[in-house]
Amino acid sequence: MKEFFKKINYKRLLARIGIVTGITVLFLLIALFTVLCIINYGPSKRAHKVFVKSVRETSAIGFLADWFTTKPELEQILKENTIEEIQDTTDTSLIHIPTKAPDQPEGPKEPEKIIQYLEDGEEKLVTRASDGHVYDRLVSDEDGIIICEVSGSTYFGHMMIVADPSRVFVGVCKNVGNPNGKGEKVSQIIERYGAVAGTNAGGFDDPGGLGTGTIPLGFCYSEGKRVKDGGADLLIGFDKNNVLVVGNMSTKRADEIGIRDAVTFGPALIVNGKPANISGTSGGLNPRTAIGQREDGAVLLLCIDGRQANSLGATYADLIEIFLDFGAVNAANLDGGSSALMMYKGKDVSSRSNLISDRFLPTTILVR
């Protein structure tokens, strides 16, 4: 055996491994470039437009849109596929969070399987959950948190419904606001706060698209403390009455209305029951995270998988449709892409688009 290993020329072996690896990578790059050429120069103009919108929303590969599109074409595609900014701000009187009556029995009701009759007469097996609402793809229902699957032609994801909005707040990384620091993973922030669930939250300064930033973009409030001022940015957060507020405002106005937890991203999807106006696809197919609230105060946390074989991703129009189906009065898009992640009880609910690990972020949406 020793003589066998002595005969091995390690330099030659390593050289051959290097050559094989290099050729494999080269073929993969050629295959990828060929696929991109088919998407952008093939017979489907819609595929080209969706590709452009999708990569334009990423921080790392947005330059690919310029590779396959002339400047006039790019401007036309962006013009045809837009979401009109909503000017209204949440009317908090539309949300009626119930208070528990003294004689109300303790403990949630057990989920109940029932048959729902569709318009065409077909039967559909659905579940009446502990909150009294009916869901057709319920995954779990315990401790006031319901998780359902959602899907469409290009996406698969999960909706988390939190019955008590006072449980939902913004958690921040230890080095938040420190330009020389590093953010934390969603899992790390969840553990440090002792939360039961969480998603990524607002946008952040991300040099080079590495996902290690600590400086939130726009507003950042956490547990009643203003961490960072906004500047007439879109505020997405909760006031002291646990109502989800969505709207452009100043820091002064945010303080006046008593914002306790908030971040900034966007766009606003639904405000006061009215969905945003959509042109074309409105956005590319990407992983998404978004937040909403029903009339009864229940918080809706949505996470869509993306950049995977079974889920390319969702557009803004898809998000609006999902939130309307779940009865949202107000809803807004949070940071997505490689940041999109939902966790519950220490495990991933969503399927990460970044297969290596979740990103280091400054802010999260947490559930106590």
Protein backbone atom coordinates (compact mmCIF):
# COMPACT_ATOMS: atom_id res chain seq x y z
CA MET A 1 0.00 0.00 0.00
CA LYS A 2 2.84 2.41 0.88
CA GLU A 3 4.55 1.65 -2.44
CA PHE A 4 1.28 2.44 -4.26
CA PHE A 5 1.05 5.90 -2.70
CA LYS A 6 4.75 6.55 -3.40
CA LYS A 7 4.13 5.95 -7.10
CA ILE A 8 1.40 8.59 -7.24
CA ASN A 9 2.54 11.84 -8.85
CA TYR A 10 0.54 14.29 -6.75
CA LYS A 11 1.43 17.30 -8.91
CA ARG A 12 0.15 15.52 -12.01
CA LEU A 13 -2.99 14.39 -10.15
CA LEU A 14 -3.75 17.89 -8.93
CA ALA A 15 -3.13 19.26 -12.42
CA ARG A 16 -5.62 16.79 -13.92
CA ILE A 17 -8.21 17.62 -11.25
CA GLY A 18 -7.71 21.30 -12.01
CA ILE A 19 -8.15 20.74 -15.75
CA VAL A 20 -11.33 18.68 -15.27
CA THR A 21 -12.75 21.28 -12.86
CA GLY A 22 -11.90 24.13 -15.22
CA ILE A 23 -13.50 22.39 -18.21
CA THR A 24 -16.64 21.62 -16.15
CA VAL A 25 -16.96 25.24 -15.02
CA LEU A 26 -16.40 26.43 -18.59
CA PHE A 27 -19.17 24.16 -19.95
CA LEU A 28 -21.52 25.32 -17.17
CA LEU A 29 -20.82 28.96 -18.05
CA ILE A 30 -21.39 28.27 -21.74
CA ALA A 31 -24.66 26.48 -20.92
CA LEU A 32 -25.80 29.36 -18.71
CA PHE A 33 -24.94 31.93 -21.37
CA THR A 34 -26.82 29.87 -23.97
CA VAL A 35 -29.92 29.76 -21.76
CA LEU A 36 -29.73 33.52 -21.21
CA CYS A 37 -29.45 34.08 -24.96
CA ILE A 38 -32.51 31.91 -25.61
CA ILE A 39 -34.50 33.80 -22.95
CA ASN A 40 -33.51 37.22 -24.26
CA TYR A 41 -33.26 36.62 -28.01
CA GLY A 42 -35.74 33.76 -28.39
CA PRO A 43 -39.31 33.94 -29.71
CA SER A 44 -40.88 34.94 -26.35
CA LYS A 45 -40.76 38.72 -25.84
CA ARG A 46 -42.52 38.29 -22.48
CA ALA A 47 -39.70 36.03 -21.21
CA HIS A 48 -37.18 38.74 -22.11
CA LYS A 49 -39.19 41.40 -20.26
CA VAL A 50 -39.64 39.25 -17.17
CA PHE A 51 -35.91 38.47 -17.16
CA VAL A 52 -35.00 42.16 -17.36
CA LYS A 53 -37.39 43.12 -14.55
CA SER A 54 -36.19 40.22 -12.40
CA VAL A 55 -32.47 40.93 -12.57
CA ARG A 56 -33.01 44.69 -12.27
CA GLU A 57 -34.41 44.07 -8.78
CA THR A 58 -31.27 42.28 -7.60
CA SER A 59 -28.26 43.99 -6.05
CA ALA A 60 -25.68 41.54 -7.40
CA ILE A 61 -26.60 40.71 -11.03
CA GLY A 62 -28.61 43.73 -12.12
CA PHE A 63 -25.95 44.45 -14.75
CA LEU A 64 -27.19 41.47 -16.81
CA ALA A 65 -30.16 43.55 -17.93
CA ASP A 66 -27.74 45.91 -19.69
CA TRP A 67 -25.94 43.03 -21.38
CA PHE A 68 -29.00 41.81 -23.25
CA THR A 69 -30.97 45.05 -23.66
CA THR A 70 -30.30 48.36 -25.35
CA LYS A 71 -30.93 51.50 -23.34
CA PRO A 72 -34.11 52.45 -25.29
CA GLU A 73 -35.46 48.88 -24.90
CA LEU A 74 -34.70 48.91 -21.18
CA GLU A 75 -36.49 52.22 -20.68
CA GLN A 76 -39.53 50.94 -22.60
CA ILE A 77 -39.68 47.71 -20.57
CA LEU A 78 -39.49 49.63 -17.29
CA LYS A 79 -42.19 52.00 -18.52
CA GLU A 80 -44.53 49.16 -19.48
CA ASN A 81 -44.11 47.25 -16.21
CA THR A 82 -44.69 49.51 -13.23
CA ILE A 83 -46.54 49.75 -9.94
CA GLU A 84 -48.02 53.16 -9.22
CA GLU A 85 -46.95 54.54 -5.86
CA ILE A 86 -49.86 54.77 -3.40
CA GLN A 87 -50.14 58.26 -1.93
CA ASP A 88 -52.54 57.39 0.92
CA THR A 89 -51.52 56.48 4.45
CA THR A 90 -53.19 53.84 6.61
CA ASP A 91 -56.51 54.87 8.13
CA THR A 92 -56.12 53.18 11.52
CA SER A 93 -59.88 53.35 12.19
CA LEU A 94 -60.38 50.58 9.61
CA ILE A 95 -58.64 48.05 11.86
CA HIS A 96 -60.69 46.66 14.74
CA ILE A 97 -58.55 44.55 17.03
CA PRO A 98 -60.86 42.52 19.30
CA THR A 99 -60.45 42.51 23.06
CA LYS A 100 -60.96 39.23 24.87
CA ALA A 101 -64.18 39.09 26.89
CA PRO A 102 -63.78 38.01 30.54
CA ASP A 103 -66.05 35.00 30.05
CA GLN A 104 -64.39 33.82 26.83
CA PRO A 105 -63.14 30.22 27.24
CA GLU A 106 -59.38 29.72 27.36
CA GLY A 107 -57.50 27.86 24.66
CA PRO A 108 -57.85 27.79 20.85
CA LYS A 109 -60.38 25.70 18.99
CA GLU A 110 -59.08 22.63 17.21
CA PRO A 111 -58.78 22.94 13.39
CA GLU A 112 -61.88 21.52 11.70
CA LYS A 113 -61.96 19.87 8.27
CA ILE A 114 -64.95 21.00 6.25
CA ILE A 115 -66.17 20.76 2.65
CA GLN A 116 -66.42 23.99 0.68
CA TYR A 117 -68.57 24.09 -2.46
CA LEU A 118 -67.11 26.03 -5.38
CA GLU A 119 -69.09 28.04 -7.94
CA ASP A 120 -68.87 25.23 -10.50
CA GLY A 121 -70.37 22.79 -7.99
CA GLU A 122 -67.13 20.95 -7.21
CA GLU A 123 -66.21 20.10 -3.62
CA LYS A 124 -63.04 21.31 -1.94
CA LEU A 125 -61.68 20.11 1.41
CA VAL A 126 -60.60 23.07 3.53
CA THR A 127 -59.79 23.69 7.19
CA ARG A 128 -61.48 26.01 9.65
CA ALA A 129 -58.55 27.09 11.82
CA SER A 130 -58.43 28.24 15.44
CA ASP A 131 -59.00 31.87 14.39
CA GLY A 132 -62.35 30.96 12.78
CA HIS A 133 -61.10 31.54 9.23
CA VAL A 134 -61.08 28.91 6.50
CA TYR A 135 -57.82 27.90 4.80
CA ASP A 136 -57.37 25.29 2.07
CA ARG A 137 -53.65 24.52 2.55
CA LEU A 138 -53.03 24.78 6.27
CA VAL A 139 -49.62 23.53 7.42
CA SER A 140 -49.74 24.22 11.16
CA ASP A 141 -52.01 25.90 13.70
CA GLU A 142 -50.75 26.34 17.24
CA ASP A 143 -50.13 29.03 19.86
CA GLY A 144 -51.95 31.71 17.86
CA ILE A 145 -49.76 31.24 14.77
CA ILE A 146 -51.16 29.70 11.58
CA ILE A 147 -49.00 28.78 8.58
CA CYS A 148 -50.45 28.06 5.12
CA GLU A 149 -48.93 27.19 1.78
CA VAL A 150 -49.53 29.53 -1.17
CA SER A 151 -48.74 28.90 -4.82
CA GLY A 152 -49.23 30.20 -8.32
CA SER A 153 -48.02 29.45 -11.83
CA THR A 154 -44.47 30.66 -11.07
CA TYR A 155 -44.18 30.62 -7.28
CA PHE A 156 -44.53 28.65 -4.06
CA GLY A 157 -44.39 30.08 -0.56
CA HIS A 158 -45.93 30.40 2.88
CA MET A 159 -48.26 32.78 4.68
CA MET A 160 -47.92 33.10 8.45
CA ILE A 161 -50.95 34.51 10.27
CA VAL A 162 -50.33 35.92 13.76
CA ALA A 163 -53.63 36.49 15.55
CA ASP A 164 -52.25 38.93 18.15
CA PRO A 165 -50.49 41.90 16.47
CA SER A 166 -48.84 42.95 19.75
CA ARG A 167 -46.57 39.90 19.36
CA VAL A 168 -45.04 41.26 16.14
CA PHE A 169 -42.10 43.65 16.37
CA VAL A 170 -38.82 44.67 14.71
CA GLY A 171 -35.62 43.02 15.92
CA VAL A 172 -32.27 44.58 15.04
CA CYS A 173 -28.71 43.27 14.86
CA LYS A 174 -26.25 44.05 17.67
CA ASN A 175 -24.22 46.41 15.48
CA VAL A 176 -27.15 48.21 13.87
CA GLY A 177 -26.07 51.57 12.49
CA ASN A 178 -22.35 50.84 12.86
CA PRO A 179 -20.72 51.33 9.42
CA ASN A 180 -17.73 49.23 10.50
CA GLY A 181 -19.82 46.40 11.94
CA LYS A 182 -21.57 43.38 10.53
CA GLY A 183 -25.22 42.40 10.58
CA GLU A 184 -26.64 39.15 11.91
CA LYS A 185 -28.47 36.21 10.39
CA VAL A 186 -32.22 36.00 10.87
CA SER A 187 -31.68 32.90 13.01
CA GLN A 188 -29.22 34.74 15.26
CA ILE A 189 -31.55 37.70 15.83
CA ILE A 190 -34.48 35.37 16.54
CA GLU A 191 -32.43 33.49 19.14
CA ARG A 192 -31.08 36.65 20.80
CA TYR A 193 -34.58 38.10 21.24
CA GLY A 194 -36.07 34.77 22.28
CA ALA A 195 -38.64 35.00 19.47
CA VAL A 196 -40.63 32.04 18.17
CA ALA A 197 -40.68 33.13 14.52
CA GLY A 198 -39.26 35.73 12.17
CA THR A 199 -38.57 36.97 8.66
CA ASN A 200 -36.17 39.43 7.12
CA ALA A 201 -37.42 43.02 7.13
CA GLY A 202 -36.39 46.35 5.60
CA GLY A 203 -33.81 47.45 3.09
CA PHE A 204 -30.26 48.29 4.05
CA ASP A 205 -27.06 49.79 2.70
CA ASP A 206 -25.40 46.84 0.98
CA PRO A 207 -22.08 47.71 -0.71
CA GLY A 208 -21.27 45.16 -3.39
CA GLY A 209 -24.43 43.16 -2.75
CA LEU A 210 -22.67 41.05 -0.11
CA GLY A 211 -25.50 41.20 2.41
CA THR A 212 -23.37 42.21 5.40
CA GLY A 213 -24.66 45.73 6.00
CA THR A 214 -25.76 47.15 9.34
CA ILE A 215 -27.29 50.44 8.25
CA PRO A 216 -31.06 50.30 7.56
CA LEU A 217 -32.45 52.37 4.69
CA GLY A 218 -35.03 54.90 5.86
CA PHE A 219 -36.94 54.31 9.09
CA CYS A 220 -36.01 51.90 11.82
CA TYR A 221 -37.99 51.66 15.07
CA SER A 222 -37.59 48.74 17.46
CA GLU A 223 -39.72 48.12 20.56
CA GLY A 224 -40.68 51.77 20.91
CA LYS A 225 -37.18 53.14 20.30
CA ARG A 226 -36.27 55.13 17.20
CA VAL A 227 -33.08 53.52 15.90
CA LYS A 228 -32.81 55.55 12.69
CA ASP A 229 -34.65 58.54 11.25
CA GLY A 230 -36.48 58.42 7.95
CA GLY A 231 -36.65 61.20 5.38
CA ALA A 232 -40.17 61.19 3.92
CA ASP A 233 -39.62 57.49 3.24
CA LEU A 234 -42.24 54.75 3.07
CA LEU A 235 -42.82 53.66 6.65
CA ILE A 236 -43.95 50.06 7.23
CA GLY A 237 -44.61 49.34 10.86
CA PHE A 238 -46.86 49.23 13.91
CA ASP A 239 -48.15 52.02 16.10
CA LYS A 240 -48.67 51.71 19.85
CA ASN A 241 -52.20 50.40 19.20
CA ASN A 242 -50.72 47.49 17.19
CA VAL A 243 -52.10 48.73 13.87
CA LEU A 244 -49.90 48.23 10.80
CA VAL A 245 -49.20 51.67 9.33
CA VAL A 246 -48.13 51.98 5.68
CA GLY A 247 -47.39 55.38 4.17
CA ASN A 248 -44.83 58.04 3.31
CA MET A 249 -44.14 60.37 6.22
CA SER A 250 -41.50 62.32 8.11
CA THR A 251 -39.82 61.20 11.32
CA LYS A 252 -41.73 63.94 13.15
CA ARG A 253 -45.05 62.54 11.91
CA ALA A 254 -44.00 58.98 12.81
CA ASP A 255 -43.25 60.09 16.36
CA GLU A 256 -46.54 62.00 16.57
CA ILE A 257 -48.66 58.96 15.71
CA GLY A 258 -46.71 56.76 18.10
CA ILE A 259 -44.83 54.31 15.89
CA ARG A 260 -43.32 51.52 18.02
CA ASP A 261 -41.73 49.25 15.38
CA ALA A 262 -41.04 50.03 11.73
CA VAL A 263 -38.73 49.65 8.74
CA THR A 264 -38.57 51.03 5.21
CA PHE A 265 -38.79 49.27 1.87
CA GLY A 266 -41.71 49.00 -0.55
CA PRO A 267 -43.67 49.40 -2.63
CA ALA A 268 -46.94 49.69 -0.72
CA LEU A 269 -49.22 46.96 -2.09
CA ILE A 270 -52.57 47.67 -0.42
CA VAL A 271 -53.60 50.71 1.63
CA ASN A 272 -57.03 51.02 3.25
CA GLY A 273 -58.29 48.06 1.24
CA LYS A 274 -57.28 49.55 -2.13
CA PRO A 275 -54.61 47.70 -4.14
CA ALA A 276 -51.88 49.55 -6.02
CA ASN A 277 -52.38 50.12 -9.75
CA ILE A 278 -50.33 47.66 -11.81
CA SER A 279 -49.00 47.96 -15.35
CA GLY A 280 -47.73 44.83 -17.09
CA THR A 281 -46.07 42.37 -14.72
CA SER A 282 -45.16 45.28 -12.38
CA GLY A 283 -42.07 43.45 -11.18
CA GLY A 284 -39.89 40.50 -12.08
CA LEU A 285 -40.03 36.98 -10.69
CA ASN A 286 -38.05 37.01 -7.46
CA PRO A 287 -38.09 35.69 -3.90
CA ARG A 288 -40.33 38.00 -1.85
CA THR A 289 -41.08 38.88 1.75
CA ALA A 290 -44.08 41.07 2.59
CA ILE A 291 -46.30 42.03 5.51
CA GLY A 292 -50.00 42.84 5.85
CA GLN A 293 -52.84 43.09 8.35
CA ARG A 294 -56.49 42.01 8.30
CA GLU A 295 -59.41 44.05 9.58
CA ASP A 296 -59.40 41.98 12.80
CA GLY A 297 -55.78 42.94 13.47
CA ALA A 298 -54.20 39.60 12.54
CA VAL A 299 -50.76 40.11 10.98
CA LEU A 300 -49.98 38.44 7.65
CA LEU A 301 -46.33 37.56 7.01
CA LEU A 302 -45.65 36.28 3.50
CA CYS A 303 -42.48 34.68 2.18
CA ILE A 304 -42.21 33.48 -1.44
CA ASP A 305 -39.45 31.11 -2.56
CA GLY A 306 -37.62 32.05 -5.75
CA ARG A 307 -34.78 31.36 -8.17
CA GLN A 308 -35.47 27.63 -7.88
CA ALA A 309 -36.80 24.98 -10.24
CA ASN A 310 -40.13 24.65 -8.42
CA SER A 311 -40.52 28.37 -7.71
CA LEU A 312 -39.11 31.04 -10.00
CA GLY A 313 -40.59 33.77 -7.79
CA ALA A 314 -43.51 36.19 -7.65
CA THR A 315 -44.34 39.62 -9.06
CA TYR A 316 -45.88 42.50 -7.10
CA ALA A 317 -49.18 41.65 -8.78
CA ASP A 318 -48.92 38.13 -7.33
CA LEU A 319 -48.33 39.54 -3.84
CA ILE A 320 -51.38 41.79 -4.08
CA GLU A 321 -53.57 38.90 -5.20
CA ILE A 322 -52.37 36.71 -2.31
CA PHE A 323 -52.93 39.42 0.31
CA LEU A 324 -56.41 40.20 -1.00
CA ASP A 325 -57.25 36.48 -0.82
CA PHE A 326 -56.19 36.52 2.85
CA GLY A 327 -58.28 39.62 3.59
CA ALA A 328 -55.53 42.22 3.98
CA VAL A 329 -56.61 45.83 4.54
CA ASN A 330 -53.01 47.06 4.39
CA ALA A 331 -49.91 45.38 2.97
CA ALA A 332 -46.41 46.30 1.84
CA ASN A 333 -43.43 44.64 0.20
CA LEU A 334 -40.33 44.10 2.35
CA ASP A 335 -36.78 43.33 1.23
CA GLY A 336 -36.61 40.19 -0.89
CA GLY A 337 -34.18 38.36 -3.14
CA SER A 338 -31.42 36.54 -1.26
CA SER A 339 -32.64 38.15 1.98
CA ALA A 340 -36.08 36.50 1.82
CA LEU A 341 -36.42 34.01 4.67
CA MET A 342 -39.11 32.80 7.10
CA MET A 343 -38.32 30.77 10.22
CA TYR A 344 -40.53 29.19 12.89
CA LYS A 345 -39.40 27.39 16.04
CA GLY A 346 -35.76 27.32 14.93
CA LYS A 347 -36.43 25.83 11.48
CA ASP A 348 -36.73 27.24 7.98
CA VAL A 349 -40.28 27.54 6.69
CA SER A 350 -39.22 28.99 3.36
CA SER A 351 -36.72 27.45 0.97
CA ARG A 352 -33.67 29.70 0.69
CA SER A 353 -32.63 31.03 -2.70
CA ASN A 354 -29.14 31.34 -1.21
CA LEU A 355 -28.26 27.68 -0.64
CA ILE A 356 -25.07 28.47 1.30
CA SER A 357 -26.55 30.41 4.22
CA ASP A 358 -28.92 33.22 5.08
CA ARG A 359 -27.58 36.77 4.76
CA PHE A 360 -26.34 39.07 7.49
CA LEU A 361 -29.02 41.74 7.97
CA PRO A 362 -29.69 44.74 10.24
CA THR A 363 -33.44 44.26 10.73
CA THR A 364 -36.00 41.46 11.07
CA ILE A 365 -39.73 41.08 11.71
CA LEU A 366 -40.07 38.91 14.82
CA VAL A 367 -42.95 37.17 16.62
CA ARG A 368 -42.79 36.72 20.39
